[in-house]
Amino acid sequence: MVKVSFNTALAQKDVKKDGETLIPVDRDPETPEFVHRQPRTWCWCFWLGLALMLSGVVVGGAYLYRYYVLEGGQVYVCGVKYIEDDYMVREEEEAVVLEGSPAGLRFMKETVYVLEDEEVEEIHVPVPEFGESDPADIVHDFSKKLTAYLDLNLDKCYVIPLNTSVVMPPHDFVDLLVKIKAGTYLPQTYLVHEQMIVTEKLDDMEELGFFINKLCRGKDTYRLQRRDTILGMQKREAPNCHKIRHFENKFVVETQICEL
C-alpha cells in the first residue's frame, strides 16, 4: 500500500505563481517604484523638447539672417592672371605706379560676396598656390568707409580707412566680376603694392559697423596706417610683415601688414 501526500505550503505557492501570470495585480500609484519612474520620464521629455526648441531657434535664425540680412547678395568665384611688376600705391587719393621688370605670370582666385544695397564687399582669399601670402577674409564697407583684413594664419583682424582709389564700388565691382566670369575681360593684369603699419589695438568694436564687427568678433583687432603717411618711417623699422594678395579692381593688390 502506497500513501500519497501533498505539501500544502508548496501547492499554495505554485497556485499563487500561476495566478500572478494570469491575473494582473493592481499597484498603488503611490508606491515608491511608480514615484521613482515618473520624474525620469518627465526629465527625458523636458531635455528632448529643449533640444528641439534650440534646433528650431538655430535654423530659424539662419533663415532670417540669410533672407533678411544678406538678401540681394551675389557670390562670385573667379580668378585673374597678373604680372609681378614693381608697382606701388602711394596715396589714398591717387594711385601712382612705378614700373619695374616683369618677374613672371601668376594666377590667383578668390570668392567675392557683394551686397550692393548695403554697399559692402566681402572677399575670401584662399591659401595661394605659390605660398607667398596669407589666406584672409576681407570686408570693404563703403557706408562706414572702412576696410578690415582678417589674417587667417595669424587669427588677427586689422582695420583701416577705405581706399576708394583702389577698391571699386560694389556696383562697378560686380560688373567687373561678371566680365571676368564671362571671359570678356582680359585675364592678364598687374600687381601693385601697399604697406600698412599696425598702430594700436582696438577695444571698441561698435564703431566698426555690423559687417566688420561680425568679421572681427572674438579676434585681436588692430588699427592700421599706411606707411607712406607716417613721416620718418624707414623700411628697416618694420621687419615683421605679412602679405595678403587679393583683387578688388582691374589689378591685383599685395597688402603688406607690418608690426613695429
C-alpha atoms as a PDB file:
ATOM      1  CA  MET A   1       0.000   0.000   0.000  1.00  0.00           C
ATOM      2  CA  VAL A   2       1.371   3.351  -1.162  1.00  0.00           C
ATOM      3  CA  LYS A   3       0.480   6.509   0.669  1.00  0.00           C
ATOM      4  CA  VAL A   4       0.275   9.681  -1.464  1.00  0.00           C
ATOM      5  CA  SER A   5       0.531  13.012   0.280  1.00  0.00           C
ATOM      6  CA  PHE A   6       0.823  16.713  -0.793  1.00  0.00           C
ATOM      7  CA  ASN A   7       2.822  19.517   0.679  1.00  0.00           C
ATOM      8  CA  THR A   8       0.174  22.155   1.400  1.00  0.00           C
ATOM      9  CA  ALA A   9       2.562  25.107   1.516  1.00  0.00           C
ATOM     10  CA  LEU A  10       4.206  24.131  -1.806  1.00  0.00           C
ATOM     11  CA  ALA A  11       0.865  23.696  -3.508  1.00  0.00           C
ATOM     12  CA  GLN A  12      -0.320  27.100  -2.408  1.00  0.00           C
ATOM     13  CA  LYS A  13       2.900  28.660  -3.634  1.00  0.00           C
ATOM     14  CA  ASP A  14       2.501  27.170  -7.133  1.00  0.00           C
ATOM     15  CA  VAL A  15      -1.105  28.275  -7.353  1.00  0.00           C
ATOM     16  CA  LYS A  16      -0.099  31.795  -6.444  1.00  0.00           C
ATOM     17  CA  LYS A  17       2.591  31.774  -9.119  1.00  0.00           C
ATOM     18  CA  ASP A  18       0.090  30.715 -11.782  1.00  0.00           C
ATOM     19  CA  GLY A  19      -2.359  33.323 -10.618  1.00  0.00           C
ATOM     20  CA  GLU A  20       0.259  36.039 -10.945  1.00  0.00           C
ATOM     21  CA  THR A  21       0.767  35.215 -14.619  1.00  0.00           C
ATOM     22  CA  LEU A  22      -2.960  35.309 -15.416  1.00  0.00           C
ATOM     23  CA  ILE A  23      -4.406  37.995 -13.158  1.00  0.00           C
ATOM     24  CA  PRO A  24      -2.651  41.380 -13.079  1.00  0.00           C
ATOM     25  CA  VAL A  25      -2.131  42.778  -9.655  1.00  0.00           C
ATOM     26  CA  ASP A  26      -3.285  46.356  -9.209  1.00  0.00           C
ATOM     27  CA  ARG A  27      -0.487  48.564  -7.910  1.00  0.00           C
ATOM     28  CA  ASP A  28      -0.923  51.555  -5.750  1.00  0.00           C
ATOM     29  CA  PRO A  29       0.171  54.673  -7.725  1.00  0.00           C
ATOM     30  CA  GLU A  30       1.725  55.995  -4.540  1.00  0.00           C
ATOM     31  CA  THR A  31       4.208  53.127  -4.300  1.00  0.00           C
ATOM     32  CA  PRO A  32       7.890  54.144  -4.335  1.00  0.00           C
ATOM     33  CA  GLU A  33       8.503  52.384  -7.676  1.00  0.00           C
ATOM     34  CA  PHE A  34       5.866  54.445  -9.528  1.00  0.00           C
ATOM     35  CA  VAL A  35       7.036  57.715  -7.978  1.00  0.00           C
ATOM     36  CA  HIS A  36      10.656  56.969  -8.993  1.00  0.00           C
ATOM     37  CA  ARG A  37       9.882  56.400 -12.692  1.00  0.00           C
ATOM     38  CA  GLN A  38       7.712  59.435 -13.303  1.00  0.00           C
ATOM     39  CA  PRO A  39      10.397  62.134 -12.782  1.00  0.00           C
ATOM     40  CA  ARG A  40      12.830  60.226 -15.013  1.00  0.00           C
ATOM     41  CA  THR A  41      10.327  60.105 -17.884  1.00  0.00           C
ATOM     42  CA  TRP A  42       9.484  63.778 -17.439  1.00  0.00           C
ATOM     43  CA  CYS A  43      13.171  64.666 -17.409  1.00  0.00           C
ATOM     44  CA  TRP A  44      13.819  62.930 -20.736  1.00  0.00           C
ATOM     45  CA  CYS A  45      10.814  64.652 -22.302  1.00  0.00           C
ATOM     46  CA  PHE A  46      11.996  68.024 -20.998  1.00  0.00           C
ATOM     47  CA  TRP A  47      15.502  67.709 -22.469  1.00  0.00           C
ATOM     48  CA  LEU A  48      14.185  66.372 -25.773  1.00  0.00           C
ATOM     49  CA  GLY A  49      11.766  69.292 -26.030  1.00  0.00           C
ATOM     50  CA  LEU A  50      14.519  71.754 -25.135  1.00  0.00           C
ATOM     51  CA  ALA A  51      16.838  70.304 -27.805  1.00  0.00           C
ATOM     52  CA  LEU A  52      14.108  70.550 -30.452  1.00  0.00           C
ATOM     53  CA  MET A  53      13.359  74.118 -29.427  1.00  0.00           C
ATOM     54  CA  LEU A  54      17.029  75.154 -29.649  1.00  0.00           C
ATOM     55  CA  SER A  55      17.362  73.483 -33.048  1.00  0.00           C
ATOM     56  CA  GLY A  56      14.381  75.473 -34.223  1.00  0.00           C
ATOM     57  CA  VAL A  57      15.936  78.697 -32.968  1.00  0.00           C
ATOM     58  CA  VAL A  58      19.219  77.977 -34.793  1.00  0.00           C
ATOM     59  CA  VAL A  59      17.516  77.043 -38.059  1.00  0.00           C
ATOM     60  CA  GLY A  60      15.134  79.981 -37.810  1.00  0.00           C
ATOM     61  CA  GLY A  61      17.989  82.378 -37.078  1.00  0.00           C
ATOM     62  CA  ALA A  62      19.961  81.133 -40.078  1.00  0.00           C
ATOM     63  CA  TYR A  63      16.874  81.537 -42.245  1.00  0.00           C
ATOM     64  CA  LEU A  64      16.244  85.101 -41.071  1.00  0.00           C
ATOM     65  CA  TYR A  65      19.916  86.030 -41.500  1.00  0.00           C
ATOM     66  CA  ARG A  66      20.017  84.591 -44.997  1.00  0.00           C
ATOM     67  CA  TYR A  67      16.816  86.132 -46.295  1.00  0.00           C
ATOM     68  CA  TYR A  68      16.679  89.430 -44.441  1.00  0.00           C
ATOM     69  CA  VAL A  69      20.254  90.481 -43.630  1.00  0.00           C
ATOM     70  CA  LEU A  70      22.003  89.074 -46.712  1.00  0.00           C
ATOM     71  CA  GLU A  71      19.122  89.355 -49.172  1.00  0.00           C
ATOM     72  CA  GLY A  72      20.251  90.624 -52.552  1.00  0.00           C
ATOM     73  CA  GLY A  73      23.859  89.471 -52.184  1.00  0.00           C
ATOM     74  CA  GLN A  74      25.709  87.875 -55.077  1.00  0.00           C
ATOM     75  CA  VAL A  75      28.530  85.330 -54.856  1.00  0.00           C
ATOM     76  CA  TYR A  76      31.333  85.090 -57.427  1.00  0.00           C
ATOM     77  CA  VAL A  77      34.223  82.639 -57.580  1.00  0.00           C
ATOM     78  CA  CYS A  78      36.795  83.711 -60.156  1.00  0.00           C
ATOM     79  CA  GLY A  79      40.460  84.426 -60.700  1.00  0.00           C
ATOM     80  CA  VAL A  80      42.889  86.600 -62.653  1.00  0.00           C
ATOM     81  CA  LYS A  81      46.389  86.305 -64.078  1.00  0.00           C
ATOM     82  CA  TYR A  82      48.875  89.022 -63.279  1.00  0.00           C
ATOM     83  CA  ILE A  83      52.471  90.016 -63.931  1.00  0.00           C
ATOM     84  CA  GLU A  84      54.724  90.662 -60.931  1.00  0.00           C
ATOM     85  CA  ASP A  85      55.945  94.128 -61.825  1.00  0.00           C
ATOM     86  CA  ASP A  86      57.050  96.597 -59.175  1.00  0.00           C
ATOM     87  CA  TYR A  87      54.091  98.936 -58.730  1.00  0.00           C
ATOM     88  CA  MET A  88      53.392 100.936 -55.591  1.00  0.00           C
ATOM     89  CA  VAL A  89      50.223 102.589 -54.301  1.00  0.00           C
ATOM     90  CA  ARG A  90      51.434 105.796 -52.664  1.00  0.00           C
ATOM     91  CA  GLU A  91      48.434 107.851 -51.636  1.00  0.00           C
ATOM     92  CA  GLU A  92      44.777 107.230 -50.896  1.00  0.00           C
ATOM     93  CA  GLU A  93      43.554 109.855 -53.342  1.00  0.00           C
ATOM     94  CA  GLU A  94      45.908 108.979 -56.200  1.00  0.00           C
ATOM     95  CA  ALA A  95      47.312 105.637 -57.336  1.00  0.00           C
ATOM     96  CA  VAL A  96      50.877 106.185 -58.591  1.00  0.00           C
ATOM     97  CA  VAL A  97      52.676 103.274 -60.271  1.00  0.00           C
ATOM     98  CA  LEU A  98      56.375 102.744 -60.732  1.00  0.00           C
ATOM     99  CA  GLU A  99      57.382 100.316 -63.444  1.00  0.00           C
ATOM    100  CA  GLY A 100      59.840  97.558 -62.788  1.00  0.00           C
ATOM    101  CA  SER A 101      60.918  94.399 -64.521  1.00  0.00           C
ATOM    102  CA  PRO A 102      58.476  91.505 -65.082  1.00  0.00           C
ATOM    103  CA  ALA A 103      59.001  88.554 -62.770  1.00  0.00           C
ATOM    104  CA  GLY A 104      56.650  86.005 -64.347  1.00  0.00           C
ATOM    105  CA  LEU A 105      52.942  85.387 -64.713  1.00  0.00           C
ATOM    106  CA  ARG A 106      50.912  84.294 -61.659  1.00  0.00           C
ATOM    107  CA  PHE A 107      47.322  83.230 -61.161  1.00  0.00           C
ATOM    108  CA  MET A 108      45.150  83.880 -58.122  1.00  0.00           C
ATOM    109  CA  LYS A 109      41.499  83.274 -57.324  1.00  0.00           C
ATOM    110  CA  GLU A 110      39.088  84.380 -54.625  1.00  0.00           C
ATOM    111  CA  THR A 111      35.447  84.214 -53.593  1.00  0.00           C
ATOM    112  CA  VAL A 112      33.575  87.525 -53.562  1.00  0.00           C
ATOM    113  CA  TYR A 113      30.235  88.252 -51.903  1.00  0.00           C
ATOM    114  CA  VAL A 114      28.726  91.607 -52.875  1.00  0.00           C
ATOM    115  CA  LEU A 115      25.862  93.348 -51.069  1.00  0.00           C
ATOM    116  CA  GLU A 116      25.038  96.280 -53.317  1.00  0.00           C
ATOM    117  CA  ASP A 117      22.195  97.649 -51.180  1.00  0.00           C
ATOM    118  CA  GLU A 118      24.400  97.668 -48.057  1.00  0.00           C
ATOM    119  CA  GLU A 119      27.453  98.852 -50.072  1.00  0.00           C
ATOM    120  CA  VAL A 120      29.577  96.011 -48.750  1.00  0.00           C
ATOM    121  CA  GLU A 121      32.087  93.670 -50.416  1.00  0.00           C
ATOM    122  CA  GLU A 122      33.236  90.508 -48.631  1.00  0.00           C
ATOM    123  CA  ILE A 123      36.266  88.729 -50.114  1.00  0.00           C
ATOM    124  CA  HIS A 124      37.656  85.322 -49.155  1.00  0.00           C
ATOM    125  CA  VAL A 125      41.243  84.727 -50.243  1.00  0.00           C
ATOM    126  CA  PRO A 126      42.207  81.024 -50.013  1.00  0.00           C
ATOM    127  CA  VAL A 127      45.701  79.675 -49.430  1.00  0.00           C
ATOM    128  CA  PRO A 128      47.664  80.719 -52.535  1.00  0.00           C
ATOM    129  CA  GLU A 129      49.303  78.064 -54.662  1.00  0.00           C
ATOM    130  CA  PHE A 130      52.631  79.915 -54.708  1.00  0.00           C
ATOM    131  CA  GLY A 131      52.696  80.258 -50.900  1.00  0.00           C
ATOM    132  CA  GLU A 132      53.924  83.876 -50.739  1.00  0.00           C
ATOM    133  CA  SER A 133      50.926  85.384 -48.958  1.00  0.00           C
ATOM    134  CA  ASP A 134      48.447  84.556 -46.200  1.00  0.00           C
ATOM    135  CA  PRO A 135      44.848  83.410 -46.647  1.00  0.00           C
ATOM    136  CA  ALA A 136      42.443  86.089 -45.491  1.00  0.00           C
ATOM    137  CA  ASP A 137      38.884  87.366 -45.241  1.00  0.00           C
ATOM    138  CA  ILE A 138      38.399  90.993 -46.250  1.00  0.00           C
ATOM    139  CA  VAL A 139      35.446  93.362 -45.796  1.00  0.00           C
ATOM    140  CA  HIS A 140      35.113  96.692 -47.614  1.00  0.00           C
ATOM    141  CA  ASP A 141      32.287  98.686 -46.034  1.00  0.00           C
ATOM    142  CA  PHE A 142      31.561 101.773 -48.165  1.00  0.00           C
ATOM    143  CA  SER A 143      28.873 103.082 -45.815  1.00  0.00           C
ATOM    144  CA  LYS A 144      31.352 103.084 -42.896  1.00  0.00           C
ATOM    145  CA  LYS A 145      34.299 103.937 -45.206  1.00  0.00           C
ATOM    146  CA  LEU A 146      36.364 101.180 -43.576  1.00  0.00           C
ATOM    147  CA  THR A 147      38.295  98.101 -44.686  1.00  0.00           C
ATOM    148  CA  ALA A 148      39.039  95.120 -42.442  1.00  0.00           C
ATOM    149  CA  TYR A 149      41.536  92.313 -43.050  1.00  0.00           C
ATOM    150  CA  LEU A 150      41.314  89.059 -41.097  1.00  0.00           C
ATOM    151  CA  ASP A 151      44.626  87.231 -41.500  1.00  0.00           C
ATOM    152  CA  LEU A 152      43.614  83.574 -41.162  1.00  0.00           C
ATOM    153  CA  ASN A 153      47.165  82.420 -40.421  1.00  0.00           C
ATOM    154  CA  LEU A 154      47.608  84.886 -37.555  1.00  0.00           C
ATOM    155  CA  ASP A 155      43.931  84.905 -36.497  1.00  0.00           C
ATOM    156  CA  LYS A 156      44.169  88.688 -36.158  1.00  0.00           C
ATOM    157  CA  CYS A 157      41.975  91.457 -37.537  1.00  0.00           C
ATOM    158  CA  TYR A 158      43.202  94.776 -38.945  1.00  0.00           C
ATOM    159  CA  VAL A 159      41.108  97.878 -39.722  1.00  0.00           C
ATOM    160  CA  ILE A 160      41.993 100.886 -41.894  1.00  0.00           C
ATOM    161  CA  PRO A 161      40.085 103.666 -43.695  1.00  0.00           C
ATOM    162  CA  LEU A 162      38.751 102.530 -47.061  1.00  0.00           C
ATOM    163  CA  ASN A 163      40.952 103.470 -50.027  1.00  0.00           C
ATOM    164  CA  THR A 164      38.352 104.330 -52.671  1.00  0.00           C
ATOM    165  CA  SER A 165      41.043 104.973 -55.295  1.00  0.00           C
ATOM    166  CA  VAL A 166      41.949 101.276 -55.203  1.00  0.00           C
ATOM    167  CA  VAL A 167      38.753  99.478 -54.129  1.00  0.00           C
ATOM    168  CA  MET A 168      35.952  99.508 -56.697  1.00  0.00           C
ATOM    169  CA  PRO A 169      32.435 100.426 -55.516  1.00  0.00           C
ATOM    170  CA  PRO A 170      30.132  97.378 -55.233  1.00  0.00           C
ATOM    171  CA  HIS A 171      28.142  98.043 -58.420  1.00  0.00           C
ATOM    172  CA  ASP A 172      31.259  98.578 -60.563  1.00  0.00           C
ATOM    173  CA  PHE A 173      32.991  95.582 -58.954  1.00  0.00           C
ATOM    174  CA  VAL A 174      30.012  93.372 -59.792  1.00  0.00           C
ATOM    175  CA  ASP A 175      30.234  94.463 -63.442  1.00  0.00           C
ATOM    176  CA  LEU A 176      33.944  93.596 -63.472  1.00  0.00           C
ATOM    177  CA  LEU A 177      33.349  90.176 -61.913  1.00  0.00           C
ATOM    178  CA  VAL A 178      30.618  89.400 -64.452  1.00  0.00           C
ATOM    179  CA  LYS A 179      33.032  90.243 -67.282  1.00  0.00           C
ATOM    180  CA  ILE A 180      35.768  88.070 -65.751  1.00  0.00           C
ATOM    181  CA  LYS A 181      33.359  85.142 -65.403  1.00  0.00           C
ATOM    182  CA  ALA A 182      32.124  85.631 -68.973  1.00  0.00           C
ATOM    183  CA  GLY A 183      35.677  85.809 -70.303  1.00  0.00           C
ATOM    184  CA  THR A 184      35.206  89.248 -71.884  1.00  0.00           C
ATOM    185  CA  TYR A 185      37.804  90.922 -69.652  1.00  0.00           C
ATOM    186  CA  LEU A 186      41.494  90.496 -70.457  1.00  0.00           C
ATOM    187  CA  PRO A 187      42.759  87.881 -67.951  1.00  0.00           C
ATOM    188  CA  GLN A 188      46.281  89.339 -67.753  1.00  0.00           C
ATOM    189  CA  THR A 189      46.762  92.217 -65.300  1.00  0.00           C
ATOM    190  CA  TYR A 190      49.455  93.597 -62.998  1.00  0.00           C
ATOM    191  CA  LEU A 191      50.372  93.704 -59.294  1.00  0.00           C
ATOM    192  CA  VAL A 192      50.542  96.803 -57.078  1.00  0.00           C
ATOM    193  CA  HIS A 193      51.970  97.020 -53.553  1.00  0.00           C
ATOM    194  CA  GLU A 194      50.771  98.816 -50.442  1.00  0.00           C
ATOM    195  CA  GLN A 195      52.271  98.675 -46.970  1.00  0.00           C
ATOM    196  CA  MET A 196      50.385  99.136 -43.684  1.00  0.00           C
ATOM    197  CA  ILE A 197      51.761  99.661 -40.189  1.00  0.00           C
ATOM    198  CA  VAL A 198      49.998  98.427 -37.029  1.00  0.00           C
ATOM    199  CA  THR A 199      49.478 101.436 -34.738  1.00  0.00           C
ATOM    200  CA  GLU A 200      47.172 100.450 -31.862  1.00  0.00           C
ATOM    201  CA  LYS A 201      44.834  97.791 -30.540  1.00  0.00           C
ATOM    202  CA  LEU A 202      41.101  98.450 -30.802  1.00  0.00           C
ATOM    203  CA  ASP A 203      38.781  97.720 -27.885  1.00  0.00           C
ATOM    204  CA  ASP A 204      35.576  99.465 -29.003  1.00  0.00           C
ATOM    205  CA  MET A 205      34.176  97.375 -31.866  1.00  0.00           C
ATOM    206  CA  GLU A 206      30.751  99.019 -32.098  1.00  0.00           C
ATOM    207  CA  GLU A 207      32.025 101.902 -34.228  1.00  0.00           C
ATOM    208  CA  LEU A 208      33.165  99.456 -36.914  1.00  0.00           C
ATOM    209  CA  GLY A 209      29.651  98.585 -38.042  1.00  0.00           C
ATOM    210  CA  PHE A 210      27.800  95.275 -38.328  1.00  0.00           C
ATOM    211  CA  PHE A 211      29.817  93.568 -41.081  1.00  0.00           C
ATOM    212  CA  ILE A 212      33.312  94.353 -39.815  1.00  0.00           C
ATOM    213  CA  ASN A 213      32.201  93.639 -36.260  1.00  0.00           C
ATOM    214  CA  LYS A 214      30.967  90.232 -37.431  1.00  0.00           C
ATOM    215  CA  LEU A 215      34.287  89.543 -39.171  1.00  0.00           C
ATOM    216  CA  CYS A 216      36.482  90.580 -36.225  1.00  0.00           C
ATOM    217  CA  ARG A 217      34.335  89.364 -33.317  1.00  0.00           C
ATOM    218  CA  GLY A 218      36.452  87.432 -30.820  1.00  0.00           C
ATOM    219  CA  LYS A 219      39.716  88.358 -32.603  1.00  0.00           C
ATOM    220  CA  ASP A 220      42.516  90.678 -31.536  1.00  0.00           C
ATOM    221  CA  THR A 221      41.793  93.758 -33.644  1.00  0.00           C
ATOM    222  CA  TYR A 222      44.277  96.498 -34.536  1.00  0.00           C
ATOM    223  CA  ARG A 223      44.191  99.824 -36.339  1.00  0.00           C
ATOM    224  CA  LEU A 224      46.389 100.270 -39.421  1.00  0.00           C
ATOM    225  CA  GLN A 225      48.008 103.282 -41.032  1.00  0.00           C
ATOM    226  CA  ARG A 226      49.535 103.474 -44.487  1.00  0.00           C
ATOM    227  CA  ARG A 227      53.303 103.508 -44.322  1.00  0.00           C
ATOM    228  CA  ASP A 228      53.770 106.418 -46.701  1.00  0.00           C
ATOM    229  CA  THR A 229      51.672 108.656 -44.411  1.00  0.00           C
ATOM    230  CA  ILE A 230      53.997 108.100 -41.417  1.00  0.00           C
ATOM    231  CA  LEU A 231      56.797 110.674 -41.559  1.00  0.00           C
ATOM    232  CA  GLY A 232      60.313 109.408 -40.985  1.00  0.00           C
ATOM    233  CA  MET A 233      59.328 105.729 -41.269  1.00  0.00           C
ATOM    234  CA  GLN A 234      62.160 103.590 -42.619  1.00  0.00           C
ATOM    235  CA  LYS A 235      61.746 100.188 -44.215  1.00  0.00           C
ATOM    236  CA  ARG A 236      64.093  98.538 -41.734  1.00  0.00           C
ATOM    237  CA  GLU A 237      61.859  99.702 -38.862  1.00  0.00           C
ATOM    238  CA  ALA A 238      59.109  97.225 -39.772  1.00  0.00           C
ATOM    239  CA  PRO A 239      60.750  93.791 -40.018  1.00  0.00           C
ATOM    240  CA  ASN A 240      57.734  91.665 -39.001  1.00  0.00           C
ATOM    241  CA  CYS A 241      55.467  91.762 -42.046  1.00  0.00           C
ATOM    242  CA  HIS A 242      52.795  89.558 -43.593  1.00  0.00           C
ATOM    243  CA  LYS A 243      51.351  89.761 -47.100  1.00  0.00           C
ATOM    244  CA  ILE A 244      47.805  89.345 -48.386  1.00  0.00           C
ATOM    245  CA  ARG A 245      47.304  89.258 -52.153  1.00  0.00           C
ATOM    246  CA  HIS A 246      43.817  89.937 -53.453  1.00  0.00           C
ATOM    247  CA  PHE A 247      41.967  91.817 -56.192  1.00  0.00           C
ATOM    248  CA  GLU A 248      39.138  94.302 -55.874  1.00  0.00           C
ATOM    249  CA  ASN A 249      39.823  96.186 -59.073  1.00  0.00           C
ATOM    250  CA  LYS A 250      41.335  95.556 -62.512  1.00  0.00           C
ATOM    251  CA  PHE A 251      44.677  94.868 -60.852  1.00  0.00           C
ATOM    252  CA  VAL A 252      45.929  92.604 -58.044  1.00  0.00           C
ATOM    253  CA  VAL A 253      46.962  94.242 -54.750  1.00  0.00           C
ATOM    254  CA  GLU A 254      49.600  92.960 -52.354  1.00  0.00           C
ATOM    255  CA  THR A 255      48.765  94.381 -48.924  1.00  0.00           C
ATOM    256  CA  GLN A 256      51.746  94.121 -46.593  1.00  0.00           C
ATOM    257  CA  ILE A 257      50.874  94.441 -42.903  1.00  0.00           C
ATOM    258  CA  CYS A 258      53.855  95.165 -40.632  1.00  0.00           C
ATOM    259  CA  GLU A 259      54.251  95.356 -36.865  1.00  0.00           C
ATOM    260  CA  LEU A 260      56.853  97.648 -35.324  1.00  0.00           C
END
